[in-house]
Amino acid sequence: LAEAQAEAAELRAAVEELHEDNAVLKDKAGYVSSLAHEVRTPLNALLACCTLLRDTVLSSEQAEYVRLMVSCGEQITNNVDYVLELARLEEKKVVLEAKPFSVLEMCEGCVEMVRHLAQKKGLALVVDCEGCEPCGELCGDANRLKQALINLLSNSIKFTEKGSVTLRAKAVPLPAEGLEDPAMASLTLEIQDTGIGLSEE
């Protein structure tokens, strides 16, 4: 009987600890979500100003700077969305997007975000999306793909001292299982660089 009572007490303690951990996670997710929304508000204002500036008379160099500012601002917005997704993940509320997107535009956008890193090291950045032409636009979560690709490209540039970094994409149409099934495709994304590579270990 004493042993059973001890086990019951341990179980109650474990349940109480679990409830406390869930409360902490909920508070953390709420704080992160609130902070992300606070960042997004001024960021949206900055992007709006950049858009207005883009419509004014600018030199080609100034226009390029504004275009880069808008591109970077949009990526920061995506990063804020990613933080919100992490908060939703802890609350088990993550939903994958399924929107049409151009693989070429997505890849070119990723390369633009890291081009300044490559230029500092004199590296060539190459985008090869010829393998996607047969499929046209795809449907999926382009923002999550961009987040992963930008991180991988940044790492490739970091560990490449000379040469080039290539982002290659290939989409292969897949047969539909039924007449009512939407067209499907297998998308392969590769990053190739002339860096030191990985050790066998």
N, C-alpha and C. Protein backbone atom coordinates (compact mmCIF):
# COMPACT_ATOMS: atom_id res chain seq x y z
N LEU A 1 0.83 -1.21 0.00
CA LEU A 1 0.00 0.00 0.00
C LEU A 1 0.87 1.26 0.00
N ALA A 2 1.91 1.24 0.79
CA ALA A 2 2.79 2.39 0.86
C ALA A 2 3.46 2.65 -0.49
N GLU A 3 3.84 1.54 -1.16
CA GLU A 3 4.48 1.68 -2.47
C GLU A 3 3.52 2.27 -3.48
N ALA A 4 2.25 1.85 -3.44
CA ALA A 4 1.23 2.38 -4.35
C ALA A 4 0.98 3.86 -4.09
N GLN A 5 0.97 4.24 -2.82
CA GLN A 5 0.77 5.64 -2.48
C GLN A 5 1.94 6.50 -2.98
N ALA A 6 3.15 5.95 -2.87
CA ALA A 6 4.32 6.68 -3.34
C ALA A 6 4.28 6.87 -4.84
N GLU A 7 3.87 5.80 -5.57
CA GLU A 7 3.77 5.90 -7.02
C GLU A 7 2.69 6.91 -7.43
N ALA A 8 1.58 6.93 -6.69
CA ALA A 8 0.51 7.88 -6.98
C ALA A 8 0.98 9.31 -6.75
N ALA A 9 1.77 9.51 -5.69
CA ALA A 9 2.29 10.85 -5.40
C ALA A 9 3.24 11.30 -6.51
N GLU A 10 4.08 10.37 -6.98
CA GLU A 10 5.01 10.70 -8.08
C GLU A 10 4.23 11.05 -9.34
N LEU A 11 3.17 10.31 -9.60
CA LEU A 11 2.35 10.58 -10.78
C LEU A 11 1.68 11.94 -10.70
N ARG A 12 1.15 12.29 -9.52
CA ARG A 12 0.54 13.60 -9.34
C ARG A 12 1.56 14.70 -9.54
N ALA A 13 2.78 14.50 -9.03
CA ALA A 13 3.84 15.51 -9.17
C ALA A 13 4.22 15.68 -10.64
N ALA A 14 4.27 14.55 -11.37
CA ALA A 14 4.61 14.62 -12.79
C ALA A 14 3.54 15.36 -13.57
N VAL A 15 2.28 15.11 -13.24
CA VAL A 15 1.17 15.79 -13.92
C VAL A 15 1.20 17.28 -13.63
N GLU A 16 1.46 17.65 -12.37
CA GLU A 16 1.53 19.06 -12.01
C GLU A 16 2.69 19.75 -12.74
N GLU A 17 3.83 19.06 -12.85
CA GLU A 17 4.99 19.62 -13.56
C GLU A 17 4.67 19.81 -15.04
N LEU A 18 3.94 18.86 -15.61
CA LEU A 18 3.55 18.96 -17.02
C LEU A 18 2.64 20.16 -17.24
N HIS A 19 1.69 20.36 -16.33
CA HIS A 19 0.80 21.52 -16.43
C HIS A 19 1.59 22.82 -16.33
N GLU A 20 2.58 22.85 -15.45
CA GLU A 20 3.40 24.06 -15.30
C GLU A 20 4.20 24.33 -16.57
N ASP A 21 4.77 23.25 -17.16
CA ASP A 21 5.54 23.41 -18.40
C ASP A 21 4.65 23.92 -19.52
N ASN A 22 3.44 23.39 -19.61
CA ASN A 22 2.51 23.85 -20.65
C ASN A 22 2.15 25.32 -20.46
N ALA A 23 2.01 25.73 -19.21
CA ALA A 23 1.69 27.13 -18.94
C ALA A 23 2.84 28.04 -19.35
N VAL A 24 4.08 27.59 -19.07
CA VAL A 24 5.26 28.38 -19.46
C VAL A 24 5.34 28.49 -20.97
N LEU A 25 5.13 27.38 -21.68
CA LEU A 25 5.17 27.39 -23.14
C LEU A 25 4.09 28.31 -23.71
N LYS A 26 2.91 28.28 -23.09
CA LYS A 26 1.83 29.13 -23.57
C LYS A 26 2.17 30.60 -23.37
N ASP A 27 2.75 30.95 -22.22
CA ASP A 27 3.15 32.33 -21.97
C ASP A 27 4.25 32.76 -22.94
N LYS A 28 5.21 31.87 -23.19
CA LYS A 28 6.30 32.17 -24.12
C LYS A 28 5.78 32.39 -25.52
N ALA A 29 4.86 31.53 -25.96
CA ALA A 29 4.30 31.67 -27.30
C ALA A 29 3.53 32.98 -27.43
N GLY A 30 2.80 33.34 -26.36
CA GLY A 30 2.06 34.59 -26.38
C GLY A 30 2.98 35.80 -26.46
N TYR A 31 4.09 35.75 -25.72
CA TYR A 31 5.06 36.85 -25.74
C TYR A 31 5.70 36.99 -27.12
N VAL A 32 6.12 35.85 -27.70
CA VAL A 32 6.75 35.87 -29.03
C VAL A 32 5.78 36.41 -30.07
N SER A 33 4.54 35.96 -30.00
CA SER A 33 3.53 36.42 -30.96
C SER A 33 3.31 37.93 -30.84
N SER A 34 3.22 38.42 -29.60
CA SER A 34 3.02 39.86 -29.38
C SER A 34 4.21 40.66 -29.89
N LEU A 35 5.43 40.18 -29.61
CA LEU A 35 6.63 40.88 -30.06
C LEU A 35 6.71 40.91 -31.59
N ALA A 36 6.38 39.80 -32.22
CA ALA A 36 6.41 39.74 -33.68
C ALA A 36 5.44 40.73 -34.31
N HIS A 37 4.27 40.86 -33.72
CA HIS A 37 3.29 41.82 -34.23
C HIS A 37 3.79 43.26 -34.03
N GLU A 38 4.49 43.51 -32.93
CA GLU A 38 5.02 44.84 -32.68
C GLU A 38 6.10 45.19 -33.71
N VAL A 39 6.87 44.21 -34.14
CA VAL A 39 7.90 44.45 -35.16
C VAL A 39 7.26 44.67 -36.52
N ARG A 40 6.22 43.93 -36.81
CA ARG A 40 5.61 43.99 -38.15
C ARG A 40 4.99 45.35 -38.43
N THR A 41 4.42 46.00 -37.42
CA THR A 41 3.73 47.28 -37.66
C THR A 41 4.68 48.35 -38.22
N PRO A 42 5.82 48.66 -37.57
CA PRO A 42 6.72 49.67 -38.16
C PRO A 42 7.37 49.16 -39.45
N LEU A 43 7.57 47.86 -39.56
CA LEU A 43 8.16 47.31 -40.78
C LEU A 43 7.25 47.54 -41.97
N ASN A 44 5.96 47.34 -41.78
CA ASN A 44 5.01 47.60 -42.86
C ASN A 44 5.03 49.07 -43.28
N ALA A 45 5.21 49.97 -42.31
CA ALA A 45 5.29 51.40 -42.62
C ALA A 45 6.54 51.70 -43.44
N LEU A 46 7.67 51.08 -43.08
CA LEU A 46 8.91 51.27 -43.84
C LEU A 46 8.76 50.76 -45.26
N LEU A 47 8.15 49.61 -45.42
CA LEU A 47 7.95 49.06 -46.77
C LEU A 47 7.03 49.96 -47.60
N ALA A 48 6.03 50.52 -46.95
CA ALA A 48 5.13 51.42 -47.67
C ALA A 48 5.88 52.67 -48.15
N CYS A 49 6.75 53.21 -47.29
CA CYS A 49 7.56 54.37 -47.68
C CYS A 49 8.51 54.02 -48.83
N CYS A 50 9.09 52.84 -48.78
CA CYS A 50 9.99 52.41 -49.85
C CYS A 50 9.24 52.28 -51.17
N THR A 51 8.01 51.78 -51.09
CA THR A 51 7.20 51.65 -52.29
C THR A 51 6.87 53.01 -52.89
N LEU A 52 6.55 53.97 -52.02
CA LEU A 52 6.28 55.32 -52.51
C LEU A 52 7.54 55.94 -53.11
N LEU A 53 8.68 55.72 -52.47
CA LEU A 53 9.95 56.24 -52.97
C LEU A 53 10.29 55.64 -54.33
N ARG A 54 9.95 54.39 -54.52
CA ARG A 54 10.23 53.71 -55.78
C ARG A 54 9.48 54.34 -56.95
N ASP A 55 8.34 54.96 -56.65
CA ASP A 55 7.53 55.57 -57.71
C ASP A 55 7.96 57.00 -58.04
N THR A 56 8.99 57.50 -57.36
CA THR A 56 9.49 58.83 -57.66
C THR A 56 10.60 58.75 -58.71
N VAL A 57 11.08 59.92 -59.14
CA VAL A 57 12.16 59.97 -60.14
C VAL A 57 13.48 59.62 -59.45
N LEU A 58 14.09 58.50 -59.86
CA LEU A 58 15.33 58.04 -59.25
C LEU A 58 16.34 57.70 -60.34
N SER A 59 17.59 57.80 -59.98
CA SER A 59 18.63 57.33 -60.90
C SER A 59 18.61 55.81 -60.88
N SER A 60 19.27 55.18 -61.81
CA SER A 60 19.29 53.72 -61.87
C SER A 60 19.93 53.13 -60.60
N GLU A 61 20.95 53.81 -60.10
CA GLU A 61 21.61 53.33 -58.88
C GLU A 61 20.69 53.45 -57.68
N GLN A 62 19.98 54.59 -57.58
CA GLN A 62 19.05 54.77 -56.47
C GLN A 62 17.90 53.77 -56.54
N ALA A 63 17.41 53.53 -57.76
CA ALA A 63 16.31 52.58 -57.94
C ALA A 63 16.73 51.18 -57.50
N GLU A 64 17.98 50.82 -57.78
CA GLU A 64 18.49 49.51 -57.37
C GLU A 64 18.57 49.41 -55.85
N TYR A 65 18.98 50.50 -55.19
CA TYR A 65 19.03 50.50 -53.73
C TYR A 65 17.63 50.33 -53.13
N VAL A 66 16.66 51.05 -53.71
CA VAL A 66 15.29 50.94 -53.20
C VAL A 66 14.74 49.54 -53.43
N ARG A 67 15.03 48.97 -54.60
CA ARG A 67 14.57 47.61 -54.89
C ARG A 67 15.13 46.62 -53.89
N LEU A 68 16.40 46.79 -53.53
CA LEU A 68 17.03 45.91 -52.56
C LEU A 68 16.43 46.11 -51.17
N MET A 69 16.12 47.36 -50.83
CA MET A 69 15.49 47.64 -49.54
C MET A 69 14.13 46.95 -49.44
N VAL A 70 13.36 47.03 -50.52
CA VAL A 70 12.04 46.39 -50.53
C VAL A 70 12.19 44.88 -50.41
N SER A 71 13.15 44.32 -51.15
CA SER A 71 13.38 42.88 -51.11
C SER A 71 13.78 42.42 -49.72
N CYS A 72 14.71 43.16 -49.09
CA CYS A 72 15.14 42.80 -47.74
C CYS A 72 14.01 42.97 -46.73
N GLY A 73 13.23 44.04 -46.89
CA GLY A 73 12.10 44.26 -45.99
C GLY A 73 11.08 43.14 -46.08
N GLU A 74 10.83 42.67 -47.30
CA GLU A 74 9.90 41.57 -47.49
C GLU A 74 10.43 40.30 -46.85
N GLN A 75 11.75 40.09 -46.94
CA GLN A 75 12.33 38.90 -46.32
C GLN A 75 12.25 38.99 -44.80
N ILE A 76 12.46 40.20 -44.25
CA ILE A 76 12.32 40.37 -42.80
C ILE A 76 10.88 40.07 -42.38
N THR A 77 9.93 40.51 -43.20
CA THR A 77 8.53 40.21 -42.93
C THR A 77 8.30 38.71 -42.91
N ASN A 78 8.92 38.01 -43.86
CA ASN A 78 8.80 36.55 -43.89
C ASN A 78 9.42 35.92 -42.64
N ASN A 79 10.55 36.52 -42.17
CA ASN A 79 11.19 36.00 -40.96
C ASN A 79 10.30 36.22 -39.74
N VAL A 80 9.63 37.37 -39.71
CA VAL A 80 8.68 37.62 -38.61
C VAL A 80 7.55 36.60 -38.66
N ASP A 81 7.08 36.31 -39.87
CA ASP A 81 6.05 35.29 -40.02
C ASP A 81 6.55 33.93 -39.53
N TYR A 82 7.84 33.68 -39.79
CA TYR A 82 8.44 32.41 -39.35
C TYR A 82 8.45 32.33 -37.83
N VAL A 83 8.76 33.44 -37.17
CA VAL A 83 8.73 33.46 -35.70
C VAL A 83 7.32 33.19 -35.20
N LEU A 84 6.34 33.78 -35.88
CA LEU A 84 4.95 33.52 -35.51
C LEU A 84 4.60 32.06 -35.71
N GLU A 85 5.15 31.45 -36.75
CA GLU A 85 4.90 30.04 -37.00
C GLU A 85 5.47 29.17 -35.89
N LEU A 86 6.65 29.56 -35.38
CA LEU A 86 7.22 28.82 -34.26
C LEU A 86 6.30 28.89 -33.04
N ALA A 87 5.73 30.08 -32.83
CA ALA A 87 4.79 30.23 -31.71
C ALA A 87 3.56 29.36 -31.94
N ARG A 88 3.09 29.33 -33.19
CA ARG A 88 1.94 28.47 -33.49
C ARG A 88 2.29 27.00 -33.36
N LEU A 89 3.56 26.67 -33.70
CA LEU A 89 3.99 25.28 -33.59
C LEU A 89 3.93 24.81 -32.15
N GLU A 90 4.35 25.66 -31.23
CA GLU A 90 4.28 25.29 -29.82
C GLU A 90 2.84 25.17 -29.36
N GLU A 91 1.94 25.88 -30.04
CA GLU A 91 0.52 25.78 -29.70
C GLU A 91 -0.20 24.79 -30.60
N LYS A 92 0.59 24.11 -31.48
CA LYS A 92 0.04 23.11 -32.40
C LYS A 92 -1.01 23.72 -33.33
N LYS A 93 -0.67 24.89 -33.90
CA LYS A 93 -1.59 25.58 -34.80
C LYS A 93 -0.95 25.90 -36.15
N VAL A 94 0.08 25.14 -36.55
CA VAL A 94 0.78 25.41 -37.80
C VAL A 94 -0.03 24.88 -38.98
N VAL A 95 -0.15 25.73 -40.01
CA VAL A 95 -0.85 25.34 -41.24
C VAL A 95 0.05 25.66 -42.43
N LEU A 96 0.34 24.67 -43.25
CA LEU A 96 1.16 24.89 -44.44
C LEU A 96 0.34 25.59 -45.52
N GLU A 97 0.98 26.55 -46.20
CA GLU A 97 0.31 27.25 -47.29
C GLU A 97 0.35 26.41 -48.56
N ALA A 98 -0.61 26.63 -49.41
CA ALA A 98 -0.64 25.97 -50.72
C ALA A 98 -1.05 27.01 -51.74
N LYS A 99 -0.06 27.84 -52.16
CA LYS A 99 -0.33 28.93 -53.09
C LYS A 99 0.55 28.77 -54.33
N PRO A 100 0.04 29.20 -55.49
CA PRO A 100 0.86 29.13 -56.72
C PRO A 100 2.08 30.04 -56.60
N PHE A 101 3.21 29.56 -57.08
CA PHE A 101 4.42 30.37 -57.07
C PHE A 101 5.33 29.95 -58.21
N SER A 102 6.15 30.89 -58.64
CA SER A 102 7.13 30.64 -59.68
C SER A 102 8.44 30.18 -59.04
N VAL A 103 8.92 29.04 -59.43
CA VAL A 103 10.18 28.53 -58.86
C VAL A 103 11.33 29.46 -59.22
N LEU A 104 11.32 29.95 -60.46
CA LEU A 104 12.39 30.84 -60.89
C LEU A 104 12.40 32.12 -60.07
N GLU A 105 11.24 32.74 -59.87
CA GLU A 105 11.18 33.97 -59.08
C GLU A 105 11.59 33.71 -57.64
N MET A 106 11.18 32.57 -57.08
CA MET A 106 11.56 32.24 -55.71
C MET A 106 13.08 32.09 -55.59
N CYS A 107 13.68 31.36 -56.53
CA CYS A 107 15.12 31.14 -56.49
C CYS A 107 15.89 32.44 -56.70
N GLU A 108 15.43 33.26 -57.65
CA GLU A 108 16.10 34.54 -57.88
C GLU A 108 15.99 35.44 -56.66
N GLY A 109 14.84 35.40 -55.98
CA GLY A 109 14.68 36.19 -54.76
C GLY A 109 15.63 35.75 -53.66
N CYS A 110 15.83 34.43 -53.54
CA CYS A 110 16.77 33.91 -52.53
C CYS A 110 18.19 34.37 -52.83
N VAL A 111 18.58 34.30 -54.10
CA VAL A 111 19.93 34.71 -54.49
C VAL A 111 20.15 36.19 -54.24
N GLU A 112 19.13 37.01 -54.51
CA GLU A 112 19.25 38.45 -54.28
C GLU A 112 19.50 38.76 -52.81
N MET A 113 18.92 37.95 -51.93
CA MET A 113 19.06 38.20 -50.49
C MET A 113 20.48 37.95 -50.00
N VAL A 114 21.23 37.12 -50.71
CA VAL A 114 22.59 36.79 -50.26
C VAL A 114 23.66 37.29 -51.23
N ARG A 115 23.24 38.03 -52.25
CA ARG A 115 24.20 38.47 -53.26
C ARG A 115 25.31 39.33 -52.66
N HIS A 116 24.95 40.20 -51.71
CA HIS A 116 25.96 41.08 -51.12
C HIS A 116 27.03 40.27 -50.38
N LEU A 117 26.65 39.12 -49.82
CA LEU A 117 27.63 38.26 -49.14
C LEU A 117 28.61 37.67 -50.14
N ALA A 118 28.07 37.27 -51.31
CA ALA A 118 28.93 36.68 -52.35
C ALA A 118 29.84 37.74 -52.97
N GLN A 119 29.31 38.94 -53.14
CA GLN A 119 30.11 40.00 -53.75
C GLN A 119 31.30 40.37 -52.89
N LYS A 120 31.14 40.32 -51.57
CA LYS A 120 32.25 40.64 -50.67
C LYS A 120 33.41 39.67 -50.84
N LYS A 121 33.09 38.43 -51.23
CA LYS A 121 34.12 37.40 -51.37
C LYS A 121 34.49 37.15 -52.83
N GLY A 122 33.86 37.91 -53.74
CA GLY A 122 34.16 37.74 -55.16
C GLY A 122 33.65 36.44 -55.74
N LEU A 123 32.56 35.93 -55.19
CA LEU A 123 31.98 34.67 -55.65
C LEU A 123 30.89 34.92 -56.68
N ALA A 124 30.79 34.00 -57.64
CA ALA A 124 29.71 34.07 -58.63
C ALA A 124 28.49 33.32 -58.09
N LEU A 125 27.32 33.93 -58.24
CA LEU A 125 26.06 33.28 -57.85
C LEU A 125 25.30 32.90 -59.11
N VAL A 126 24.90 31.65 -59.20
CA VAL A 126 24.25 31.15 -60.41
C VAL A 126 22.90 30.54 -60.03
N VAL A 127 21.88 30.85 -60.84
CA VAL A 127 20.56 30.25 -60.69
C VAL A 127 20.27 29.43 -61.93
N ASP A 128 19.98 28.16 -61.74
CA ASP A 128 19.67 27.27 -62.86
C ASP A 128 18.31 26.63 -62.61
N CYS A 129 17.29 27.16 -63.29
CA CYS A 129 15.92 26.65 -63.14
C CYS A 129 15.36 26.12 -64.46
N GLU A 130 16.25 25.80 -65.40
CA GLU A 130 15.77 25.30 -66.69
C GLU A 130 14.97 24.02 -66.54
N GLY A 131 15.28 23.24 -65.51
CA GLY A 131 14.55 21.99 -65.31
C GLY A 131 13.14 22.17 -64.81
N CYS A 132 12.72 23.42 -64.57
CA CYS A 132 11.36 23.67 -64.07
C CYS A 132 10.40 24.14 -65.16
N GLU A 133 10.93 24.42 -66.33
CA GLU A 133 10.10 24.98 -67.40
C GLU A 133 8.90 24.11 -67.77
N PRO A 134 9.04 22.77 -67.83
CA PRO A 134 7.88 21.96 -68.22
C PRO A 134 6.69 22.05 -67.28
N CYS A 135 6.94 22.41 -66.01
CA CYS A 135 5.86 22.41 -65.01
C CYS A 135 5.22 23.78 -64.81
N GLY A 136 5.90 24.85 -65.26
CA GLY A 136 5.34 26.19 -65.04
C GLY A 136 5.28 26.51 -63.56
N GLU A 137 4.18 27.14 -63.12
CA GLU A 137 4.03 27.47 -61.71
C GLU A 137 3.70 26.22 -60.90
N LEU A 138 4.20 26.20 -59.66
CA LEU A 138 3.88 25.12 -58.73
C LEU A 138 3.03 25.67 -57.60
N CYS A 139 2.45 24.78 -56.83
CA CYS A 139 1.61 25.19 -55.71
C CYS A 139 2.22 24.62 -54.43
N GLY A 140 2.50 25.51 -53.48
CA GLY A 140 3.11 25.05 -52.23
C GLY A 140 3.40 26.23 -51.32
N ASP A 141 4.25 26.00 -50.32
CA ASP A 141 4.59 27.02 -49.34
C ASP A 141 5.95 27.63 -49.71
N ALA A 142 5.93 28.62 -50.58
CA ALA A 142 7.16 29.22 -51.09
C ALA A 142 7.96 29.92 -49.99
N ASN A 143 7.28 30.51 -49.02
CA ASN A 143 8.00 31.23 -47.96
C ASN A 143 8.88 30.30 -47.13
N ARG A 144 8.37 29.12 -46.81
CA ARG A 144 9.17 28.17 -46.04
C ARG A 144 10.34 27.66 -46.87
N LEU A 145 10.11 27.46 -48.16
CA LEU A 145 11.21 27.05 -49.03
C LEU A 145 12.29 28.13 -49.08
N LYS A 146 11.88 29.40 -49.18
CA LYS A 146 12.84 30.50 -49.23
C LYS A 146 13.65 30.57 -47.95
N GLN A 147 13.01 30.39 -46.81
CA GLN A 147 13.73 30.44 -45.54
C GLN A 147 14.84 29.40 -45.50
N ALA A 148 14.51 28.18 -45.95
CA ALA A 148 15.50 27.10 -45.93
C ALA A 148 16.61 27.37 -46.94
N LEU A 149 16.25 27.83 -48.14
CA LEU A 149 17.24 28.05 -49.19
C LEU A 149 18.19 29.19 -48.83
N ILE A 150 17.68 30.26 -48.24
CA ILE A 150 18.54 31.38 -47.86
C ILE A 150 19.55 30.94 -46.80
N ASN A 151 19.12 30.13 -45.85
CA ASN A 151 20.06 29.62 -44.84
C ASN A 151 21.14 28.76 -45.47
N LEU A 152 20.73 27.88 -46.41
CA LEU A 152 21.70 26.99 -47.06
C LEU A 152 22.66 27.78 -47.96
N LEU A 153 22.13 28.77 -48.67
CA LEU A 153 22.99 29.60 -49.52
C LEU A 153 23.99 30.38 -48.68
N SER A 154 23.54 30.90 -47.56
CA SER A 154 24.44 31.66 -46.67
C SER A 154 25.57 30.77 -46.17
N ASN A 155 25.24 29.53 -45.83
CA ASN A 155 26.28 28.60 -45.36
C ASN A 155 27.26 28.27 -46.48
N SER A 156 26.74 28.07 -47.70
CA SER A 156 27.63 27.76 -48.82
C SER A 156 28.60 28.91 -49.08
N ILE A 157 28.09 30.13 -49.04
CA ILE A 157 28.95 31.29 -49.26
C ILE A 157 29.97 31.41 -48.14
N LYS A 158 29.55 31.14 -46.93
CA LYS A 158 30.44 31.26 -45.77
C LYS A 158 31.65 30.34 -45.90
N PHE A 159 31.44 29.13 -46.43
CA PHE A 159 32.51 28.15 -46.48
C PHE A 159 33.11 28.00 -47.88
N THR A 160 32.85 28.97 -48.75
CA THR A 160 33.44 28.97 -50.08
C THR A 160 34.34 30.20 -50.22
N GLU A 161 35.62 29.98 -50.46
CA GLU A 161 36.57 31.08 -50.54
C GLU A 161 36.73 31.62 -51.96
N LYS A 162 36.54 30.78 -52.95
CA LYS A 162 36.64 31.23 -54.33
C LYS A 162 35.80 30.33 -55.23
N GLY A 163 35.43 30.88 -56.38
CA GLY A 163 34.64 30.09 -57.31
C GLY A 163 33.19 30.55 -57.36
N SER A 164 32.27 29.63 -57.15
CA SER A 164 30.86 29.96 -57.35
C SER A 164 29.96 29.15 -56.43
N VAL A 165 28.73 29.65 -56.32
CA VAL A 165 27.66 28.94 -55.61
C VAL A 165 26.47 28.88 -56.57
N THR A 166 25.94 27.69 -56.79
CA THR A 166 24.86 27.51 -57.75
C THR A 166 23.61 26.97 -57.06
N LEU A 167 22.49 27.62 -57.32
CA LEU A 167 21.19 27.13 -56.85
C LEU A 167 20.49 26.52 -58.05
N ARG A 168 20.22 25.23 -57.97
CA ARG A 168 19.64 24.52 -59.11
C ARG A 168 18.28 23.94 -58.71
N ALA A 169 17.31 24.09 -59.59
CA ALA A 169 15.97 23.57 -59.33
C ALA A 169 15.49 22.73 -60.51
N LYS A 170 14.82 21.65 -60.19
CA LYS A 170 14.27 20.78 -61.24
C LYS A 170 12.93 20.25 -60.79
N ALA A 171 11.92 20.39 -61.64
CA ALA A 171 10.58 19.91 -61.33
C ALA A 171 10.18 18.86 -62.36
N VAL A 172 9.70 17.74 -61.86
CA VAL A 172 9.30 16.63 -62.74
C VAL A 172 7.81 16.37 -62.55
N PRO A 173 7.00 16.48 -63.61
CA PRO A 173 5.57 16.20 -63.48
C PRO A 173 5.32 14.76 -63.05
N LEU A 174 4.36 14.58 -62.17
CA LEU A 174 3.99 13.24 -61.71
C LEU A 174 2.60 12.90 -62.23
N PRO A 175 2.36 11.65 -62.57
CA PRO A 175 1.03 11.27 -63.07
C PRO A 175 -0.01 11.36 -61.97
N ALA A 176 -1.17 11.88 -62.32
CA ALA A 176 -2.28 11.96 -61.37
C ALA A 176 -2.88 10.57 -61.18
N GLU A 177 -3.32 10.30 -59.94
CA GLU A 177 -3.87 8.98 -59.66
C GLU A 177 -5.30 8.83 -60.16
N GLY A 178 -5.97 9.92 -60.35
CA GLY A 178 -7.36 9.85 -60.82
C GLY A 178 -7.69 11.06 -61.66
N LEU A 179 -8.84 11.03 -62.32
CA LEU A 179 -9.24 12.13 -63.20
C LEU A 179 -9.46 13.42 -62.42
N GLU A 180 -9.85 13.30 -61.14
CA GLU A 180 -10.14 14.48 -60.34
C GLU A 180 -8.92 14.96 -59.55
N ASP A 181 -7.81 14.23 -59.62
CA ASP A 181 -6.61 14.63 -58.88
C ASP A 181 -5.93 15.81 -59.56
N PRO A 182 -5.43 16.78 -58.78
CA PRO A 182 -4.70 17.91 -59.38
C PRO A 182 -3.36 17.44 -59.92
N ALA A 183 -2.81 18.20 -60.84
CA ALA A 183 -1.49 17.89 -61.37
C ALA A 183 -0.45 17.98 -60.25
N MET A 184 0.44 17.02 -60.21
CA MET A 184 1.46 16.96 -59.18
C MET A 184 2.84 17.04 -59.81
N ALA A 185 3.81 17.47 -59.02
CA ALA A 185 5.18 17.54 -59.51
C ALA A 185 6.13 17.30 -58.35
N SER A 186 7.27 16.72 -58.67
CA SER A 186 8.35 16.52 -57.69
C SER A 186 9.39 17.61 -57.90
N LEU A 187 9.62 18.42 -56.88
CA LEU A 187 10.56 19.54 -56.98
C LEU A 187 11.84 19.19 -56.24
N THR A 188 12.97 19.26 -56.95
CA THR A 188 14.28 19.02 -56.37
C THR A 188 15.08 20.31 -56.37
N LEU A 189 15.58 20.70 -55.21
CA LEU A 189 16.38 21.92 -55.06
C LEU A 189 17.78 21.52 -54.59
N GLU A 190 18.78 22.00 -55.30
CA GLU A 190 20.17 21.67 -54.96
C GLU A 190 21.02 22.93 -54.88
N ILE A 191 21.96 22.92 -53.97
CA ILE A 191 22.94 24.00 -53.87
C ILE A 191 24.33 23.38 -54.03
N GLN A 192 25.05 23.85 -55.02
CA GLN A 192 26.39 23.34 -55.31
C GLN A 192 27.39 24.47 -55.18
N ASP A 193 28.51 24.19 -54.51
CA ASP A 193 29.51 25.24 -54.36
C ASP A 193 30.90 24.64 -54.57
N THR A 194 31.88 25.51 -54.65
CA THR A 194 33.26 25.09 -54.85
C THR A 194 34.05 25.23 -53.56
N GLY A 195 33.34 25.08 -52.45
CA GLY A 195 33.97 25.22 -51.14
C GLY A 195 34.68 23.96 -50.69
N ILE A 196 35.00 23.91 -49.40
CA ILE A 196 35.79 22.81 -48.86
C ILE A 196 35.00 21.52 -48.72
N GLY A 197 33.67 21.62 -48.74
CA GLY A 197 32.87 20.41 -48.61
C GLY A 197 32.84 19.88 -47.18
N LEU A 198 32.26 18.69 -47.05
CA LEU A 198 32.15 18.05 -45.73
C LEU A 198 33.18 16.95 -45.59
N SER A 199 33.70 16.78 -44.39
CA SER A 199 34.65 15.71 -44.13
C SER A 199 33.93 14.37 -44.13
N GLU A 200 34.67 13.30 -44.38
CA GLU A 200 34.07 11.96 -44.38
C GLU A 200 33.51 11.60 -43.01
N GLU A 201 34.04 12.19 -41.97
CA GLU A 201 33.55 11.91 -40.62
C GLU A 201 32.21 12.57 -40.37
